[in-house]
Amino acid sequence: MKPELDPREIRTLQKIKNALLHMMASRIDPISITDLCAEAQVTRPTFYKHFSSVAELMEVMSKETMEDLERRIVIEKKISLQEVDYVELPSNMVALFNHVLENRQFYEAFILIHPDTPFTRYFKATLYHFVKVGLEASIETGAEISVPSDVVINFMTGAFHETILWWMLEGYPYTPQEMTAMVLRLSINGPYQF
């Protein structure tokens, strides 16, 4: 078990993380520990007290962000597709879009500017699990699917990922609630109105 950090160490870690995000957003590549420490206004020994490399820092930040997202997107209440009214939206779907918006500096740096970071893989895996659990909950409440579930899960994972990328690239033109309603409608009905 890691020892508790004092408030000063917590502030220092936040300065290091903020410096990394700023440098990534500024498209500085590669990011050296010397430059990162200068940006964060911390010494190299302070950096090495917590991390062995920039790659480890990125890994830690990625895992922390994913753990936070995973906690927020748990299905709290299973409802059948017939009960979906697009007014009382599933809180876990709204939470997904809220998380991206609240942490947009992180998501933009790690997904848009540097898509080759491990975070992109973690994010896709989390979306895959999110879709899988949602599909299983829908089936449990009486929904029937017309193609194999693995096809549905992979299709929807890609749709979620690309829609979130589009939302970010366009500057978040819709609220998390609006995005949830649109993605939910597309997920259930497809793009057509009959």
C-alpha atoms as a PDB file:
ATOM      1  CA  MET A   1       0.000   0.000   0.000  1.00  0.00           C
ATOM      2  CA  LYS A   2       1.318   3.436  -0.951  1.00  0.00           C
ATOM      3  CA  PRO A   3       1.843   5.927   1.863  1.00  0.00           C
ATOM      4  CA  GLU A   4      -0.530   8.875   2.028  1.00  0.00           C
ATOM      5  CA  LEU A   5       0.656  11.933   0.155  1.00  0.00           C
ATOM      6  CA  ASP A   6       0.747  15.247   1.941  1.00  0.00           C
ATOM      7  CA  PRO A   7      -1.000  18.261   0.347  1.00  0.00           C
ATOM      8  CA  ARG A   8       2.312  19.635  -0.944  1.00  0.00           C
ATOM      9  CA  GLU A   9       3.074  16.381  -2.786  1.00  0.00           C
ATOM     10  CA  ILE A  10      -0.438  16.302  -4.219  1.00  0.00           C
ATOM     11  CA  ARG A  11       0.044  19.849  -5.583  1.00  0.00           C
ATOM     12  CA  THR A  12       3.437  18.872  -7.006  1.00  0.00           C
ATOM     13  CA  LEU A  13       1.988  15.838  -8.776  1.00  0.00           C
ATOM     14  CA  GLN A  14      -0.776  18.001 -10.206  1.00  0.00           C
ATOM     15  CA  LYS A  15       1.792  20.510 -11.474  1.00  0.00           C
ATOM     16  CA  ILE A  16       3.688  17.694 -13.213  1.00  0.00           C
ATOM     17  CA  LYS A  17       0.499  16.314 -14.776  1.00  0.00           C
ATOM     18  CA  ASN A  18      -0.655  19.763 -15.893  1.00  0.00           C
ATOM     19  CA  ALA A  19       2.765  20.439 -17.407  1.00  0.00           C
ATOM     20  CA  LEU A  20       2.597  17.198 -19.388  1.00  0.00           C
ATOM     21  CA  LEU A  21      -0.875  18.044 -20.705  1.00  0.00           C
ATOM     22  CA  HIS A  22       0.258  21.540 -21.675  1.00  0.00           C
ATOM     23  CA  MET A  23       3.309  20.197 -23.494  1.00  0.00           C
ATOM     24  CA  MET A  24       1.277  17.524 -25.273  1.00  0.00           C
ATOM     25  CA  ALA A  25      -1.306  20.120 -26.313  1.00  0.00           C
ATOM     26  CA  SER A  26       1.547  22.306 -27.604  1.00  0.00           C
ATOM     27  CA  ARG A  27       2.617  19.334 -29.742  1.00  0.00           C
ATOM     28  CA  ILE A  28       6.037  19.170 -28.138  1.00  0.00           C
ATOM     29  CA  ASP A  29       7.515  15.820 -29.097  1.00  0.00           C
ATOM     30  CA  PRO A  30       9.496  14.197 -27.688  1.00  0.00           C
ATOM     31  CA  ILE A  31       8.914  15.457 -24.176  1.00  0.00           C
ATOM     32  CA  SER A  32      12.071  15.274 -22.094  1.00  0.00           C
ATOM     33  CA  ILE A  33      12.097  15.033 -18.322  1.00  0.00           C
ATOM     34  CA  THR A  34      14.242  18.172 -18.195  1.00  0.00           C
ATOM     35  CA  ASP A  35      11.715  20.168 -20.218  1.00  0.00           C
ATOM     36  CA  LEU A  36       8.793  18.696 -18.283  1.00  0.00           C
ATOM     37  CA  CYS A  37      10.384  19.628 -14.949  1.00  0.00           C
ATOM     38  CA  ALA A  38      11.059  23.157 -16.198  1.00  0.00           C
ATOM     39  CA  GLU A  39       7.440  23.494 -17.343  1.00  0.00           C
ATOM     40  CA  ALA A  40       6.156  22.125 -14.004  1.00  0.00           C
ATOM     41  CA  GLN A  41       8.671  24.169 -12.004  1.00  0.00           C
ATOM     42  CA  VAL A  42       9.880  21.108 -10.110  1.00  0.00           C
ATOM     43  CA  THR A  43      13.303  19.529  -9.828  1.00  0.00           C
ATOM     44  CA  ARG A  44      14.334  16.316 -11.564  1.00  0.00           C
ATOM     45  CA  PRO A  45      14.738  14.519  -8.190  1.00  0.00           C
ATOM     46  CA  THR A  46      11.149  15.515  -7.365  1.00  0.00           C
ATOM     47  CA  PHE A  47       9.976  14.041 -10.665  1.00  0.00           C
ATOM     48  CA  TYR A  48      11.980  10.842 -10.118  1.00  0.00           C
ATOM     49  CA  LYS A  49      10.552  10.480  -6.627  1.00  0.00           C
ATOM     50  CA  HIS A  50       7.196   9.715  -8.268  1.00  0.00           C
ATOM     51  CA  PHE A  51       7.946   8.504 -11.815  1.00  0.00           C
ATOM     52  CA  SER A  52      10.781   6.767 -13.617  1.00  0.00           C
ATOM     53  CA  SER A  53       9.988   8.234 -17.034  1.00  0.00           C
ATOM     54  CA  VAL A  54       7.568  10.366 -19.031  1.00  0.00           C
ATOM     55  CA  ALA A  55       6.079   7.120 -20.347  1.00  0.00           C
ATOM     56  CA  GLU A  56       5.325   5.989 -16.788  1.00  0.00           C
ATOM     57  CA  LEU A  57       3.706   9.359 -16.026  1.00  0.00           C
ATOM     58  CA  MET A  58       1.518   8.984 -19.123  1.00  0.00           C
ATOM     59  CA  GLU A  59       0.614   5.434 -18.094  1.00  0.00           C
ATOM     60  CA  VAL A  60      -0.331   6.538 -14.562  1.00  0.00           C
ATOM     61  CA  MET A  61      -2.452   9.413 -15.878  1.00  0.00           C
ATOM     62  CA  SER A  62      -4.150   7.104 -18.385  1.00  0.00           C
ATOM     63  CA  LYS A  63      -5.027   4.531 -15.741  1.00  0.00           C
ATOM     64  CA  GLU A  64      -6.282   7.164 -13.291  1.00  0.00           C
ATOM     65  CA  THR A  65      -8.531   8.672 -15.949  1.00  0.00           C
ATOM     66  CA  MET A  66      -9.883   5.279 -17.018  1.00  0.00           C
ATOM     67  CA  GLU A  67     -10.543   4.210 -13.426  1.00  0.00           C
ATOM     68  CA  ASP A  68     -12.469   7.438 -12.855  1.00  0.00           C
ATOM     69  CA  LEU A  69     -14.465   6.923 -16.061  1.00  0.00           C
ATOM     70  CA  GLU A  70     -15.216   3.278 -15.237  1.00  0.00           C
ATOM     71  CA  ARG A  71     -16.567   4.278 -11.804  1.00  0.00           C
ATOM     72  CA  ARG A  72     -18.905   6.814 -13.398  1.00  0.00           C
ATOM     73  CA  ILE A  73     -20.367   4.705 -16.212  1.00  0.00           C
ATOM     74  CA  VAL A  74     -21.699   1.787 -14.192  1.00  0.00           C
ATOM     75  CA  ILE A  75     -25.320   0.973 -15.045  1.00  0.00           C
ATOM     76  CA  GLU A  76     -27.354   1.999 -12.010  1.00  0.00           C
ATOM     77  CA  LYS A  77     -30.777   0.958 -13.239  1.00  0.00           C
ATOM     78  CA  LYS A  78     -31.561  -1.528 -15.988  1.00  0.00           C
ATOM     79  CA  ILE A  79     -34.514  -0.503 -18.136  1.00  0.00           C
ATOM     80  CA  SER A  80     -36.051  -2.169 -21.145  1.00  0.00           C
ATOM     81  CA  LEU A  81     -35.721  -0.496 -24.524  1.00  0.00           C
ATOM     82  CA  GLN A  82     -39.485   0.080 -24.491  1.00  0.00           C
ATOM     83  CA  GLU A  83     -39.027   2.250 -21.385  1.00  0.00           C
ATOM     84  CA  VAL A  84     -36.489   4.562 -23.042  1.00  0.00           C
ATOM     85  CA  ASP A  85     -38.140   7.960 -23.495  1.00  0.00           C
ATOM     86  CA  TYR A  86     -35.166  10.194 -24.421  1.00  0.00           C
ATOM     87  CA  VAL A  87     -36.114  12.554 -21.597  1.00  0.00           C
ATOM     88  CA  GLU A  88     -34.883  10.607 -18.586  1.00  0.00           C
ATOM     89  CA  LEU A  89     -31.589   9.577 -20.156  1.00  0.00           C
ATOM     90  CA  PRO A  90     -29.430   6.723 -18.848  1.00  0.00           C
ATOM     91  CA  SER A  91     -27.138   8.345 -16.292  1.00  0.00           C
ATOM     92  CA  ASN A  92     -24.170   6.195 -17.286  1.00  0.00           C
ATOM     93  CA  MET A  93     -24.328   7.420 -20.898  1.00  0.00           C
ATOM     94  CA  VAL A  94     -24.588  11.049 -19.812  1.00  0.00           C
ATOM     95  CA  ALA A  95     -21.657  10.396 -17.455  1.00  0.00           C
ATOM     96  CA  LEU A  96     -19.536   9.175 -20.377  1.00  0.00           C
ATOM     97  CA  PHE A  97     -19.987  12.420 -22.305  1.00  0.00           C
ATOM     98  CA  ASN A  98     -19.679  14.517 -19.131  1.00  0.00           C
ATOM     99  CA  HIS A  99     -16.372  12.821 -18.334  1.00  0.00           C
ATOM    100  CA  VAL A 100     -14.963  13.633 -21.755  1.00  0.00           C
ATOM    101  CA  LEU A 101     -16.116  17.249 -21.487  1.00  0.00           C
ATOM    102  CA  GLU A 102     -14.893  17.729 -17.898  1.00  0.00           C
ATOM    103  CA  ASN A 103     -11.504  16.239 -18.802  1.00  0.00           C
ATOM    104  CA  ARG A 104     -11.302  17.646 -22.313  1.00  0.00           C
ATOM    105  CA  GLN A 105      -7.703  18.856 -21.981  1.00  0.00           C
ATOM    106  CA  PHE A 106      -6.663  15.301 -21.139  1.00  0.00           C
ATOM    107  CA  TYR A 107      -8.780  13.632 -23.844  1.00  0.00           C
ATOM    108  CA  GLU A 108      -7.691  16.104 -26.505  1.00  0.00           C
ATOM    109  CA  ALA A 109      -4.008  15.638 -25.648  1.00  0.00           C
ATOM    110  CA  PHE A 110      -4.164  11.861 -25.361  1.00  0.00           C
ATOM    111  CA  ILE A 111      -6.636  11.015 -28.154  1.00  0.00           C
ATOM    112  CA  LEU A 112      -6.647  13.837 -30.705  1.00  0.00           C
ATOM    113  CA  ILE A 113      -3.089  15.149 -30.603  1.00  0.00           C
ATOM    114  CA  HIS A 114      -1.264  11.957 -29.566  1.00  0.00           C
ATOM    115  CA  PRO A 115      -3.528   9.050 -30.590  1.00  0.00           C
ATOM    116  CA  ASP A 116      -0.634   6.595 -30.346  1.00  0.00           C
ATOM    117  CA  THR A 117      -0.555   6.710 -26.524  1.00  0.00           C
ATOM    118  CA  PRO A 118      -1.692   3.650 -24.531  1.00  0.00           C
ATOM    119  CA  PHE A 119      -4.692   5.702 -23.397  1.00  0.00           C
ATOM    120  CA  THR A 120      -6.399   5.317 -26.773  1.00  0.00           C
ATOM    121  CA  ARG A 121      -6.262   1.533 -26.356  1.00  0.00           C
ATOM    122  CA  TYR A 122      -7.583   1.772 -22.772  1.00  0.00           C
ATOM    123  CA  PHE A 123     -10.369   4.098 -23.864  1.00  0.00           C
ATOM    124  CA  LYS A 124     -11.486   1.771 -26.653  1.00  0.00           C
ATOM    125  CA  ALA A 125     -11.403  -1.196 -24.251  1.00  0.00           C
ATOM    126  CA  THR A 126     -13.519   0.748 -21.751  1.00  0.00           C
ATOM    127  CA  LEU A 127     -16.004   1.695 -24.478  1.00  0.00           C
ATOM    128  CA  TYR A 128     -16.123  -1.968 -25.568  1.00  0.00           C
ATOM    129  CA  HIS A 129     -16.957  -3.047 -22.009  1.00  0.00           C
ATOM    130  CA  PHE A 130     -19.487  -0.194 -21.671  1.00  0.00           C
ATOM    131  CA  VAL A 131     -21.290  -1.290 -24.850  1.00  0.00           C
ATOM    132  CA  LYS A 132     -21.105  -4.998 -23.933  1.00  0.00           C
ATOM    133  CA  VAL A 133     -22.613  -4.451 -20.485  1.00  0.00           C
ATOM    134  CA  GLY A 134     -25.292  -2.174 -21.961  1.00  0.00           C
ATOM    135  CA  LEU A 135     -26.209  -4.737 -24.616  1.00  0.00           C
ATOM    136  CA  GLU A 136     -26.346  -7.520 -22.032  1.00  0.00           C
ATOM    137  CA  ALA A 137     -28.622  -5.376 -19.843  1.00  0.00           C
ATOM    138  CA  SER A 138     -30.898  -4.705 -22.839  1.00  0.00           C
ATOM    139  CA  ILE A 139     -31.103  -8.406 -23.654  1.00  0.00           C
ATOM    140  CA  GLU A 140     -31.836  -9.216 -19.993  1.00  0.00           C
ATOM    141  CA  THR A 141     -34.788  -6.811 -20.090  1.00  0.00           C
ATOM    142  CA  GLY A 142     -36.274  -8.377 -23.225  1.00  0.00           C
ATOM    143  CA  ALA A 143     -34.511  -6.846 -26.226  1.00  0.00           C
ATOM    144  CA  GLU A 144     -33.737  -9.069 -29.185  1.00  0.00           C
ATOM    145  CA  ILE A 145     -30.863  -8.418 -31.562  1.00  0.00           C
ATOM    146  CA  SER A 146     -30.843  -9.237 -35.267  1.00  0.00           C
ATOM    147  CA  VAL A 147     -27.116  -9.986 -35.665  1.00  0.00           C
ATOM    148  CA  PRO A 148     -24.554 -11.749 -33.436  1.00  0.00           C
ATOM    149  CA  SER A 149     -23.760  -9.827 -30.267  1.00  0.00           C
ATOM    150  CA  ASP A 150     -20.017  -9.622 -31.000  1.00  0.00           C
ATOM    151  CA  VAL A 151     -20.815  -7.779 -34.256  1.00  0.00           C
ATOM    152  CA  VAL A 152     -23.155  -5.392 -32.421  1.00  0.00           C
ATOM    153  CA  ILE A 153     -20.603  -4.731 -29.673  1.00  0.00           C
ATOM    154  CA  ASN A 154     -17.751  -3.996 -32.079  1.00  0.00           C
ATOM    155  CA  PHE A 155     -19.957  -1.858 -34.333  1.00  0.00           C
ATOM    156  CA  MET A 156     -21.282   0.194 -31.423  1.00  0.00           C
ATOM    157  CA  THR A 157     -17.819   0.541 -29.845  1.00  0.00           C
ATOM    158  CA  GLY A 158     -16.529   2.018 -33.089  1.00  0.00           C
ATOM    159  CA  ALA A 159     -19.575   4.253 -33.377  1.00  0.00           C
ATOM    160  CA  PHE A 160     -19.144   5.578 -29.825  1.00  0.00           C
ATOM    161  CA  HIS A 161     -15.417   6.154 -30.311  1.00  0.00           C
ATOM    162  CA  GLU A 162     -15.757   7.954 -33.637  1.00  0.00           C
ATOM    163  CA  THR A 163     -18.725  10.009 -32.432  1.00  0.00           C
ATOM    164  CA  ILE A 164     -16.765  11.161 -29.387  1.00  0.00           C
ATOM    165  CA  LEU A 165     -13.792  12.057 -31.619  1.00  0.00           C
ATOM    166  CA  TRP A 166     -16.092  14.029 -33.914  1.00  0.00           C
ATOM    167  CA  TRP A 167     -17.666  15.805 -30.925  1.00  0.00           C
ATOM    168  CA  MET A 168     -14.231  16.807 -29.657  1.00  0.00           C
ATOM    169  CA  LEU A 169     -12.942  17.903 -33.079  1.00  0.00           C
ATOM    170  CA  GLU A 170     -16.026  20.057 -33.633  1.00  0.00           C
ATOM    171  CA  GLY A 171     -15.557  21.846 -30.307  1.00  0.00           C
ATOM    172  CA  TYR A 172     -18.341  20.128 -28.340  1.00  0.00           C
ATOM    173  CA  PRO A 173     -21.286  21.650 -30.256  1.00  0.00           C
ATOM    174  CA  TYR A 174     -23.845  19.634 -28.266  1.00  0.00           C
ATOM    175  CA  THR A 175     -24.264  19.147 -24.529  1.00  0.00           C
ATOM    176  CA  PRO A 176     -23.558  15.737 -22.981  1.00  0.00           C
ATOM    177  CA  GLN A 177     -27.320  15.263 -22.634  1.00  0.00           C
ATOM    178  CA  GLU A 178     -27.911  16.052 -26.314  1.00  0.00           C
ATOM    179  CA  MET A 179     -25.097  13.706 -27.348  1.00  0.00           C
ATOM    180  CA  THR A 180     -26.542  10.964 -25.155  1.00  0.00           C
ATOM    181  CA  ALA A 181     -30.022  11.383 -26.641  1.00  0.00           C
ATOM    182  CA  MET A 182     -28.691  11.290 -30.212  1.00  0.00           C
ATOM    183  CA  VAL A 183     -26.391   8.311 -29.672  1.00  0.00           C
ATOM    184  CA  LEU A 184     -29.122   6.471 -27.784  1.00  0.00           C
ATOM    185  CA  ARG A 185     -31.608   7.119 -30.588  1.00  0.00           C
ATOM    186  CA  LEU A 186     -29.075   5.907 -33.178  1.00  0.00           C
ATOM    187  CA  SER A 187     -28.263   2.852 -31.057  1.00  0.00           C
ATOM    188  CA  ILE A 188     -31.900   1.817 -30.743  1.00  0.00           C
ATOM    189  CA  ASN A 189     -33.513   3.009 -33.984  1.00  0.00           C
ATOM    190  CA  GLY A 190     -30.635   3.601 -36.372  1.00  0.00           C
ATOM    191  CA  PRO A 191     -30.442   6.838 -38.370  1.00  0.00           C
ATOM    192  CA  TYR A 192     -33.850   6.551 -40.025  1.00  0.00           C
ATOM    193  CA  GLN A 193     -37.272   7.871 -39.058  1.00  0.00           C
ATOM    194  CA  PHE A 194     -40.240   5.781 -40.105  1.00  0.00           C
END
